[in-house]
Amino acid sequence: MDMANQFETPNTYRLHRAEYLFGLLVALVLFIMHIGEIRWIPAILLFVYIDLIGYIPGAIAFRRSKTGHISKGYYVAYNIMHSMVTQGAVAVVWTLVYGPDWTLLVLPLHLFADRGIFGNFLKSFKLPFEPVPNPAFQQFIQKLTGGGAPAASEQPVATGAGATR
């Protein structure tokens, strides 16, 4: 939320996602306006390579792990591939090599959809690779927002992988 308090409350998280949904809408409108200029094979490849390199290997490793712990390399790959800086650099290099191209809109479409629709931001080494509620953070948010004790059905539940759900 600020430099001294680096977390988001449920409300600020929703607002953060709403900003990316707006970016997604702008990129989608531009994409549709220039749909006749989109080169489809490069568009599909540019859209999927982000997850082929940055998400799918880590997701597979996480699901195969008995403990829920996986190599930090998967987190690094995810964060590099899902970085606006990385994809901006890809767009710059593409433009220098091939010239400006509306096809490049698939890069922000992918990133904005991940953040705005799915709520996926960069990953922390301190949390499981896949979204799992952290009991300490859940308690912190309840204290911060003045919420009462969670109902029994809202209590974090330990899973076999040592994580909570």
N, C-alpha and C. Protein backbone atom coordinates (compact mmCIF):
# COMPACT_ATOMS: atom_id res chain seq x y z
N MET A 1 0.82 -1.19 0.00
CA MET A 1 0.00 0.00 0.00
C MET A 1 0.86 1.25 0.00
N ASP A 2 2.01 1.18 0.68
CA ASP A 2 2.97 2.29 0.62
C ASP A 2 4.34 1.74 0.95
N MET A 3 5.34 2.60 0.96
CA MET A 3 6.72 2.14 1.17
C MET A 3 6.92 1.47 2.53
N ALA A 4 6.20 1.93 3.55
CA ALA A 4 6.39 1.38 4.89
C ALA A 4 5.47 0.19 5.17
N ASN A 5 4.44 0.00 4.38
CA ASN A 5 3.46 -1.07 4.59
C ASN A 5 3.22 -1.80 3.27
N GLN A 6 4.07 -2.75 2.99
CA GLN A 6 4.08 -3.40 1.69
C GLN A 6 3.16 -4.62 1.66
N PHE A 7 1.89 -4.34 1.70
CA PHE A 7 0.87 -5.37 1.61
C PHE A 7 -0.37 -4.71 1.02
N GLU A 8 -1.33 -5.51 0.67
CA GLU A 8 -2.59 -4.98 0.18
C GLU A 8 -3.72 -5.53 1.03
N THR A 9 -4.68 -4.69 1.33
CA THR A 9 -5.90 -5.15 1.97
C THR A 9 -6.80 -5.71 0.87
N PRO A 10 -7.85 -6.43 1.22
CA PRO A 10 -8.75 -6.92 0.16
C PRO A 10 -9.27 -5.80 -0.74
N ASN A 11 -9.56 -4.63 -0.17
CA ASN A 11 -10.06 -3.52 -0.98
C ASN A 11 -9.01 -2.97 -1.94
N THR A 12 -7.79 -2.73 -1.45
CA THR A 12 -6.76 -2.19 -2.34
C THR A 12 -6.38 -3.22 -3.40
N TYR A 13 -6.45 -4.50 -3.05
CA TYR A 13 -6.18 -5.56 -4.02
C TYR A 13 -7.21 -5.50 -5.15
N ARG A 14 -8.49 -5.34 -4.81
CA ARG A 14 -9.54 -5.23 -5.83
C ARG A 14 -9.33 -3.98 -6.70
N LEU A 15 -8.94 -2.88 -6.08
CA LEU A 15 -8.69 -1.65 -6.84
C LEU A 15 -7.49 -1.83 -7.77
N HIS A 16 -6.46 -2.50 -7.27
CA HIS A 16 -5.27 -2.77 -8.08
C HIS A 16 -5.66 -3.60 -9.30
N ARG A 17 -6.45 -4.64 -9.08
CA ARG A 17 -6.92 -5.48 -10.18
C ARG A 17 -7.77 -4.68 -11.15
N ALA A 18 -8.60 -3.77 -10.64
CA ALA A 18 -9.46 -2.95 -11.50
C ALA A 18 -8.63 -2.10 -12.45
N GLU A 19 -7.49 -1.60 -11.99
CA GLU A 19 -6.61 -0.83 -12.88
C GLU A 19 -6.11 -1.69 -14.04
N TYR A 20 -5.76 -2.93 -13.75
CA TYR A 20 -5.31 -3.83 -14.81
C TYR A 20 -6.46 -4.23 -15.73
N LEU A 21 -7.67 -4.35 -15.17
CA LEU A 21 -8.82 -4.62 -16.03
C LEU A 21 -9.05 -3.47 -17.00
N PHE A 22 -8.84 -2.24 -16.55
CA PHE A 22 -8.97 -1.09 -17.44
C PHE A 22 -7.89 -1.16 -18.53
N GLY A 23 -6.64 -1.46 -18.14
CA GLY A 23 -5.57 -1.63 -19.14
C GLY A 23 -5.90 -2.72 -20.13
N LEU A 24 -6.48 -3.82 -19.63
CA LEU A 24 -6.89 -4.93 -20.49
C LEU A 24 -7.95 -4.44 -21.49
N LEU A 25 -8.89 -3.67 -21.01
CA LEU A 25 -9.94 -3.15 -21.88
C LEU A 25 -9.36 -2.26 -22.98
N VAL A 26 -8.44 -1.37 -22.62
CA VAL A 26 -7.80 -0.49 -23.61
C VAL A 26 -7.03 -1.32 -24.65
N ALA A 27 -6.24 -2.28 -24.17
CA ALA A 27 -5.46 -3.13 -25.10
C ALA A 27 -6.39 -3.95 -25.98
N LEU A 28 -7.49 -4.44 -25.41
CA LEU A 28 -8.44 -5.24 -26.18
C LEU A 28 -9.13 -4.41 -27.25
N VAL A 29 -9.50 -3.19 -26.92
CA VAL A 29 -10.12 -2.30 -27.91
C VAL A 29 -9.14 -2.03 -29.06
N LEU A 30 -7.89 -1.71 -28.72
CA LEU A 30 -6.88 -1.49 -29.77
C LEU A 30 -6.67 -2.73 -30.61
N PHE A 31 -6.64 -3.89 -29.96
CA PHE A 31 -6.47 -5.16 -30.66
C PHE A 31 -7.61 -5.38 -31.65
N ILE A 32 -8.83 -5.16 -31.20
CA ILE A 32 -10.00 -5.35 -32.07
C ILE A 32 -10.01 -4.32 -33.21
N MET A 33 -9.64 -3.08 -32.89
CA MET A 33 -9.59 -2.04 -33.93
C MET A 33 -8.59 -2.38 -35.04
N HIS A 34 -7.56 -3.13 -34.69
CA HIS A 34 -6.50 -3.45 -35.66
C HIS A 34 -6.43 -4.95 -35.95
N ILE A 35 -7.53 -5.63 -35.77
CA ILE A 35 -7.54 -7.09 -35.92
C ILE A 35 -7.08 -7.55 -37.31
N GLY A 36 -7.34 -6.75 -38.32
CA GLY A 36 -6.92 -7.11 -39.66
C GLY A 36 -5.41 -7.02 -39.86
N GLU A 37 -4.72 -6.34 -38.94
CA GLU A 37 -3.27 -6.19 -39.03
C GLU A 37 -2.51 -7.16 -38.13
N ILE A 38 -3.24 -7.99 -37.40
CA ILE A 38 -2.61 -8.94 -36.48
C ILE A 38 -2.08 -10.12 -37.28
N ARG A 39 -0.84 -10.47 -37.02
CA ARG A 39 -0.24 -11.67 -37.62
C ARG A 39 -0.47 -12.79 -36.61
N TRP A 40 -1.33 -13.74 -36.96
CA TRP A 40 -1.87 -14.67 -35.98
C TRP A 40 -0.88 -15.69 -35.44
N ILE A 41 -0.01 -16.22 -36.24
CA ILE A 41 0.97 -17.20 -35.73
C ILE A 41 1.89 -16.53 -34.70
N PRO A 42 2.51 -15.38 -35.02
CA PRO A 42 3.33 -14.72 -34.00
C PRO A 42 2.50 -14.29 -32.78
N ALA A 43 1.26 -13.88 -33.00
CA ALA A 43 0.42 -13.46 -31.87
C ALA A 43 0.19 -14.62 -30.90
N ILE A 44 -0.13 -15.76 -31.44
CA ILE A 44 -0.37 -16.93 -30.58
C ILE A 44 0.91 -17.32 -29.86
N LEU A 45 2.02 -17.34 -30.60
CA LEU A 45 3.30 -17.71 -29.98
C LEU A 45 3.71 -16.72 -28.88
N LEU A 46 3.56 -15.43 -29.17
CA LEU A 46 3.91 -14.41 -28.16
C LEU A 46 3.00 -14.51 -26.94
N PHE A 47 1.74 -14.84 -27.14
CA PHE A 47 0.80 -14.94 -26.03
C PHE A 47 1.12 -16.14 -25.13
N VAL A 48 1.42 -17.29 -25.75
CA VAL A 48 1.58 -18.51 -24.95
C VAL A 48 2.99 -18.72 -24.41
N TYR A 49 4.01 -18.13 -25.03
CA TYR A 49 5.38 -18.41 -24.58
C TYR A 49 5.60 -17.94 -23.16
N ILE A 50 4.88 -16.92 -22.73
CA ILE A 50 5.02 -16.39 -21.37
C ILE A 50 4.72 -17.50 -20.36
N ASP A 51 3.62 -18.22 -20.56
CA ASP A 51 3.26 -19.29 -19.63
C ASP A 51 4.03 -20.58 -19.90
N LEU A 52 4.38 -20.83 -21.15
CA LEU A 52 5.16 -22.04 -21.44
C LEU A 52 6.50 -22.03 -20.70
N ILE A 53 7.09 -20.86 -20.59
CA ILE A 53 8.37 -20.74 -19.89
C ILE A 53 8.17 -20.39 -18.42
N GLY A 54 7.25 -19.46 -18.15
CA GLY A 54 7.16 -18.87 -16.83
C GLY A 54 6.18 -19.47 -15.85
N TYR A 55 5.16 -20.19 -16.32
CA TYR A 55 4.17 -20.72 -15.38
C TYR A 55 4.07 -22.24 -15.39
N ILE A 56 3.91 -22.83 -16.54
CA ILE A 56 3.61 -24.26 -16.62
C ILE A 56 4.66 -25.14 -15.94
N PRO A 57 5.96 -24.91 -16.14
CA PRO A 57 6.93 -25.76 -15.44
C PRO A 57 6.79 -25.68 -13.90
N GLY A 58 6.60 -24.49 -13.37
CA GLY A 58 6.43 -24.34 -11.92
C GLY A 58 5.15 -24.96 -11.42
N ALA A 59 4.07 -24.83 -12.19
CA ALA A 59 2.80 -25.42 -11.79
C ALA A 59 2.90 -26.94 -11.76
N ILE A 60 3.57 -27.51 -12.73
CA ILE A 60 3.77 -28.96 -12.75
C ILE A 60 4.61 -29.39 -11.55
N ALA A 61 5.71 -28.69 -11.32
CA ALA A 61 6.58 -29.03 -10.19
C ALA A 61 5.83 -28.91 -8.86
N PHE A 62 5.02 -27.87 -8.72
CA PHE A 62 4.25 -27.67 -7.48
C PHE A 62 3.27 -28.82 -7.27
N ARG A 63 2.58 -29.22 -8.32
CA ARG A 63 1.60 -30.30 -8.19
C ARG A 63 2.27 -31.65 -7.92
N ARG A 64 3.48 -31.82 -8.41
CA ARG A 64 4.20 -33.07 -8.18
C ARG A 64 4.88 -33.12 -6.81
N SER A 65 5.10 -31.96 -6.21
CA SER A 65 5.80 -31.90 -4.93
C SER A 65 4.91 -32.41 -3.80
N LYS A 66 5.47 -33.28 -2.98
CA LYS A 66 4.73 -33.80 -1.83
C LYS A 66 4.66 -32.78 -0.70
N THR A 67 5.62 -31.86 -0.66
CA THR A 67 5.69 -30.87 0.42
C THR A 67 5.14 -29.51 0.02
N GLY A 68 4.96 -29.28 -1.27
CA GLY A 68 4.54 -27.96 -1.75
C GLY A 68 5.71 -27.02 -1.98
N HIS A 69 6.92 -27.48 -1.65
CA HIS A 69 8.12 -26.65 -1.85
C HIS A 69 8.74 -27.01 -3.20
N ILE A 70 9.07 -25.98 -3.97
CA ILE A 70 9.73 -26.20 -5.26
C ILE A 70 10.91 -25.24 -5.36
N SER A 71 11.76 -25.47 -6.32
CA SER A 71 12.94 -24.64 -6.53
C SER A 71 12.55 -23.18 -6.74
N LYS A 72 13.37 -22.29 -6.20
CA LYS A 72 13.15 -20.85 -6.40
C LYS A 72 13.30 -20.47 -7.87
N GLY A 73 13.96 -21.31 -8.63
CA GLY A 73 14.11 -21.05 -10.06
C GLY A 73 12.77 -20.93 -10.78
N TYR A 74 11.78 -21.70 -10.33
CA TYR A 74 10.45 -21.60 -10.93
C TYR A 74 9.82 -20.24 -10.65
N TYR A 75 10.04 -19.72 -9.45
CA TYR A 75 9.53 -18.39 -9.09
C TYR A 75 10.23 -17.31 -9.94
N VAL A 76 11.53 -17.47 -10.08
CA VAL A 76 12.30 -16.50 -10.88
C VAL A 76 11.82 -16.52 -12.33
N ALA A 77 11.63 -17.72 -12.88
CA ALA A 77 11.16 -17.83 -14.26
C ALA A 77 9.78 -17.18 -14.40
N TYR A 78 8.89 -17.44 -13.45
CA TYR A 78 7.56 -16.83 -13.49
C TYR A 78 7.68 -15.31 -13.47
N ASN A 79 8.44 -14.79 -12.51
CA ASN A 79 8.53 -13.34 -12.34
C ASN A 79 9.21 -12.66 -13.53
N ILE A 80 10.20 -13.29 -14.11
CA ILE A 80 10.85 -12.71 -15.29
C ILE A 80 9.88 -12.69 -16.46
N MET A 81 9.21 -13.81 -16.70
CA MET A 81 8.32 -13.89 -17.86
C MET A 81 7.06 -13.06 -17.70
N HIS A 82 6.62 -12.84 -16.47
CA HIS A 82 5.40 -12.07 -16.23
C HIS A 82 5.70 -10.63 -15.82
N SER A 83 6.89 -10.18 -16.13
CA SER A 83 7.30 -8.81 -15.83
C SER A 83 6.97 -7.89 -16.99
N MET A 84 6.44 -6.72 -16.65
CA MET A 84 6.19 -5.71 -17.69
C MET A 84 7.51 -5.27 -18.31
N VAL A 85 8.57 -5.25 -17.51
CA VAL A 85 9.89 -4.85 -18.00
C VAL A 85 10.37 -5.85 -19.06
N THR A 86 10.29 -7.14 -18.74
CA THR A 86 10.73 -8.16 -19.69
C THR A 86 9.93 -8.09 -20.98
N GLN A 87 8.62 -8.05 -20.86
CA GLN A 87 7.78 -8.04 -22.06
C GLN A 87 7.91 -6.72 -22.82
N GLY A 88 8.18 -5.64 -22.10
CA GLY A 88 8.47 -4.37 -22.77
C GLY A 88 9.75 -4.46 -23.58
N ALA A 89 10.75 -5.13 -23.00
CA ALA A 89 12.01 -5.33 -23.73
C ALA A 89 11.80 -6.22 -24.96
N VAL A 90 10.98 -7.25 -24.82
CA VAL A 90 10.65 -8.10 -25.97
C VAL A 90 10.00 -7.26 -27.07
N ALA A 91 9.08 -6.38 -26.69
CA ALA A 91 8.41 -5.52 -27.67
C ALA A 91 9.39 -4.56 -28.34
N VAL A 92 10.34 -4.03 -27.57
CA VAL A 92 11.34 -3.11 -28.15
C VAL A 92 12.22 -3.86 -29.15
N VAL A 93 12.71 -5.02 -28.75
CA VAL A 93 13.57 -5.82 -29.65
C VAL A 93 12.78 -6.21 -30.90
N TRP A 94 11.55 -6.67 -30.71
CA TRP A 94 10.70 -7.05 -31.85
C TRP A 94 10.56 -5.87 -32.81
N THR A 95 10.28 -4.69 -32.25
CA THR A 95 10.08 -3.49 -33.08
C THR A 95 11.35 -3.11 -33.82
N LEU A 96 12.50 -3.25 -33.17
CA LEU A 96 13.77 -2.93 -33.83
C LEU A 96 14.07 -3.92 -34.96
N VAL A 97 13.70 -5.18 -34.77
CA VAL A 97 13.99 -6.21 -35.77
C VAL A 97 12.93 -6.23 -36.88
N TYR A 98 11.66 -6.23 -36.49
CA TYR A 98 10.57 -6.41 -37.46
C TYR A 98 9.77 -5.14 -37.75
N GLY A 99 9.97 -4.11 -36.95
CA GLY A 99 9.18 -2.90 -37.09
C GLY A 99 7.96 -2.92 -36.18
N PRO A 100 7.30 -1.78 -36.05
CA PRO A 100 6.11 -1.72 -35.19
C PRO A 100 5.04 -2.70 -35.67
N ASP A 101 4.33 -3.29 -34.73
CA ASP A 101 3.40 -4.36 -35.09
C ASP A 101 2.29 -4.42 -34.05
N TRP A 102 1.04 -4.33 -34.49
CA TRP A 102 -0.10 -4.43 -33.58
C TRP A 102 -0.17 -5.79 -32.91
N THR A 103 0.50 -6.77 -33.47
CA THR A 103 0.55 -8.11 -32.88
C THR A 103 1.10 -8.06 -31.46
N LEU A 104 1.97 -7.10 -31.19
CA LEU A 104 2.58 -6.99 -29.86
C LEU A 104 1.57 -6.70 -28.75
N LEU A 105 0.36 -6.33 -29.12
CA LEU A 105 -0.66 -6.09 -28.10
C LEU A 105 -0.99 -7.35 -27.30
N VAL A 106 -0.63 -8.52 -27.82
CA VAL A 106 -0.90 -9.74 -27.05
C VAL A 106 -0.08 -9.78 -25.76
N LEU A 107 1.04 -9.07 -25.73
CA LEU A 107 1.86 -9.07 -24.51
C LEU A 107 1.12 -8.39 -23.35
N PRO A 108 0.65 -7.14 -23.51
CA PRO A 108 -0.13 -6.58 -22.41
C PRO A 108 -1.46 -7.29 -22.21
N LEU A 109 -2.05 -7.83 -23.26
CA LEU A 109 -3.28 -8.59 -23.08
C LEU A 109 -3.06 -9.75 -22.10
N HIS A 110 -1.97 -10.46 -22.29
CA HIS A 110 -1.66 -11.59 -21.41
C HIS A 110 -1.43 -11.11 -19.96
N LEU A 111 -0.54 -10.13 -19.80
CA LEU A 111 -0.19 -9.67 -18.46
C LEU A 111 -1.37 -9.00 -17.75
N PHE A 112 -2.11 -8.17 -18.47
CA PHE A 112 -3.26 -7.49 -17.86
C PHE A 112 -4.36 -8.48 -17.50
N ALA A 113 -4.56 -9.50 -18.33
CA ALA A 113 -5.56 -10.53 -18.00
C ALA A 113 -5.13 -11.32 -16.76
N ASP A 114 -3.85 -11.69 -16.70
CA ASP A 114 -3.37 -12.41 -15.52
C ASP A 114 -3.63 -11.61 -14.25
N ARG A 115 -3.34 -10.31 -14.28
CA ARG A 115 -3.49 -9.49 -13.09
C ARG A 115 -4.94 -9.08 -12.85
N GLY A 116 -5.62 -8.62 -13.90
CA GLY A 116 -6.97 -8.10 -13.73
C GLY A 116 -8.04 -9.16 -13.57
N ILE A 117 -8.00 -10.19 -14.41
CA ILE A 117 -9.03 -11.24 -14.35
C ILE A 117 -8.70 -12.29 -13.31
N PHE A 118 -7.46 -12.80 -13.35
CA PHE A 118 -7.10 -13.92 -12.48
C PHE A 118 -6.47 -13.49 -11.16
N GLY A 119 -6.07 -12.22 -11.05
CA GLY A 119 -5.50 -11.73 -9.79
C GLY A 119 -4.10 -12.23 -9.51
N ASN A 120 -3.39 -12.65 -10.55
CA ASN A 120 -2.03 -13.17 -10.39
C ASN A 120 -1.00 -12.07 -10.61
N PHE A 121 -0.22 -11.80 -9.58
CA PHE A 121 0.85 -10.82 -9.66
C PHE A 121 2.16 -11.58 -9.52
N LEU A 122 3.26 -10.88 -9.39
CA LEU A 122 4.56 -11.55 -9.25
C LEU A 122 4.57 -12.40 -7.99
N LYS A 123 5.37 -13.46 -7.99
CA LYS A 123 5.36 -14.45 -6.91
C LYS A 123 6.49 -14.21 -5.90
N SER A 124 6.17 -14.41 -4.64
CA SER A 124 7.13 -14.30 -3.55
C SER A 124 7.68 -15.67 -3.19
N PHE A 125 8.98 -15.73 -2.91
CA PHE A 125 9.59 -16.98 -2.46
C PHE A 125 8.96 -17.47 -1.15
N LYS A 126 8.35 -16.59 -0.40
CA LYS A 126 7.83 -16.92 0.93
C LYS A 126 6.47 -17.59 0.89
N LEU A 127 5.86 -17.67 -0.29
CA LEU A 127 4.52 -18.26 -0.41
C LEU A 127 4.56 -19.43 -1.39
N PRO A 128 3.59 -20.34 -1.28
CA PRO A 128 3.53 -21.44 -2.25
C PRO A 128 3.39 -20.89 -3.68
N PHE A 129 3.87 -21.66 -4.64
CA PHE A 129 3.84 -21.25 -6.04
C PHE A 129 2.41 -20.99 -6.51
N GLU A 130 1.49 -21.86 -6.11
CA GLU A 130 0.08 -21.68 -6.44
C GLU A 130 -0.61 -20.99 -5.27
N PRO A 131 -1.67 -20.22 -5.53
CA PRO A 131 -2.33 -19.47 -4.46
C PRO A 131 -2.89 -20.37 -3.35
N VAL A 132 -2.42 -20.13 -2.15
CA VAL A 132 -2.89 -20.82 -0.95
C VAL A 132 -2.94 -19.77 0.15
N PRO A 133 -4.08 -19.59 0.82
CA PRO A 133 -4.14 -18.58 1.88
C PRO A 133 -3.10 -18.84 2.97
N ASN A 134 -2.45 -17.79 3.40
CA ASN A 134 -1.47 -17.88 4.48
C ASN A 134 -2.18 -17.52 5.78
N PRO A 135 -2.22 -18.43 6.76
CA PRO A 135 -2.98 -18.18 8.00
C PRO A 135 -2.51 -16.91 8.72
N ALA A 136 -1.21 -16.66 8.76
CA ALA A 136 -0.71 -15.47 9.46
C ALA A 136 -1.20 -14.20 8.77
N PHE A 137 -1.20 -14.20 7.43
CA PHE A 137 -1.68 -13.02 6.71
C PHE A 137 -3.18 -12.85 6.89
N GLN A 138 -3.92 -13.95 6.88
CA GLN A 138 -5.37 -13.89 7.07
C GLN A 138 -5.69 -13.27 8.45
N GLN A 139 -4.96 -13.69 9.48
CA GLN A 139 -5.16 -13.13 10.83
C GLN A 139 -4.78 -11.65 10.86
N PHE A 140 -3.69 -11.31 10.20
CA PHE A 140 -3.25 -9.92 10.14
C PHE A 140 -4.31 -9.03 9.50
N ILE A 141 -4.86 -9.48 8.37
CA ILE A 141 -5.89 -8.70 7.68
C ILE A 141 -7.13 -8.55 8.56
N GLN A 142 -7.50 -9.61 9.27
CA GLN A 142 -8.66 -9.51 10.17
C GLN A 142 -8.41 -8.48 11.26
N LYS A 143 -7.22 -8.48 11.82
CA LYS A 143 -6.89 -7.49 12.86
C LYS A 143 -6.87 -6.09 12.27
N LEU A 144 -6.26 -5.95 11.10
CA LEU A 144 -6.13 -4.64 10.46
C LEU A 144 -7.49 -4.05 10.09
N THR A 145 -8.36 -4.89 9.58
CA THR A 145 -9.66 -4.39 9.10
C THR A 145 -10.73 -4.41 10.19
N GLY A 146 -10.37 -4.87 11.37
CA GLY A 146 -11.35 -4.88 12.46
C GLY A 146 -12.35 -6.01 12.37
N GLY A 147 -12.07 -6.98 11.52
CA GLY A 147 -12.96 -8.14 11.39
C GLY A 147 -12.86 -9.01 12.62
N GLY A 148 -13.94 -9.66 12.95
CA GLY A 148 -13.94 -10.57 14.09
C GLY A 148 -13.23 -11.86 13.76
N ALA A 149 -13.27 -12.77 14.70
CA ALA A 149 -12.66 -14.08 14.47
C ALA A 149 -13.40 -14.76 13.33
N PRO A 150 -12.68 -15.45 12.45
CA PRO A 150 -13.35 -16.11 11.34
C PRO A 150 -14.23 -17.25 11.82
N ALA A 151 -15.32 -17.48 11.10
CA ALA A 151 -16.18 -18.61 11.41
C ALA A 151 -15.40 -19.89 11.18
N ALA A 152 -15.85 -20.97 11.79
CA ALA A 152 -15.15 -22.25 11.66
C ALA A 152 -14.95 -22.62 10.20
N SER A 153 -15.93 -22.32 9.35
CA SER A 153 -15.81 -22.66 7.93
C SER A 153 -14.79 -21.78 7.21
N GLU A 154 -14.39 -20.65 7.83
CA GLU A 154 -13.43 -19.74 7.20
C GLU A 154 -12.02 -19.95 7.76
N GLN A 155 -11.89 -20.81 8.77
CA GLN A 155 -10.58 -21.06 9.36
C GLN A 155 -9.68 -21.72 8.33
N PRO A 156 -8.40 -21.31 8.27
CA PRO A 156 -7.48 -22.00 7.37
C PRO A 156 -7.38 -23.47 7.75
N VAL A 157 -7.28 -24.33 6.77
CA VAL A 157 -7.22 -25.77 6.99
C VAL A 157 -5.91 -26.28 6.43
N ALA A 158 -5.15 -27.02 7.24
CA ALA A 158 -3.88 -27.60 6.77
C ALA A 158 -4.17 -28.68 5.75
N THR A 159 -3.35 -28.73 4.71
CA THR A 159 -3.48 -29.79 3.70
C THR A 159 -2.28 -30.72 3.85
N GLY A 160 -2.31 -31.79 3.11
CA GLY A 160 -1.22 -32.77 3.18
C GLY A 160 0.12 -32.20 2.76
N ALA A 161 0.11 -31.12 1.98
CA ALA A 161 1.37 -30.54 1.51
C ALA A 161 1.94 -29.54 2.51
N GLY A 162 1.34 -29.45 3.70
CA GLY A 162 1.84 -28.52 4.70
C GLY A 162 1.39 -27.10 4.46
N ALA A 163 0.54 -26.90 3.47
CA ALA A 163 0.02 -25.57 3.17
C ALA A 163 -1.39 -25.48 3.75
N THR A 164 -2.00 -24.34 3.59
CA THR A 164 -3.39 -24.20 4.03
C THR A 164 -4.25 -23.87 2.86
N ARG A 165 -5.51 -24.10 3.06
CA ARG A 165 -6.46 -23.72 2.00
C ARG A 165 -7.64 -23.03 2.63
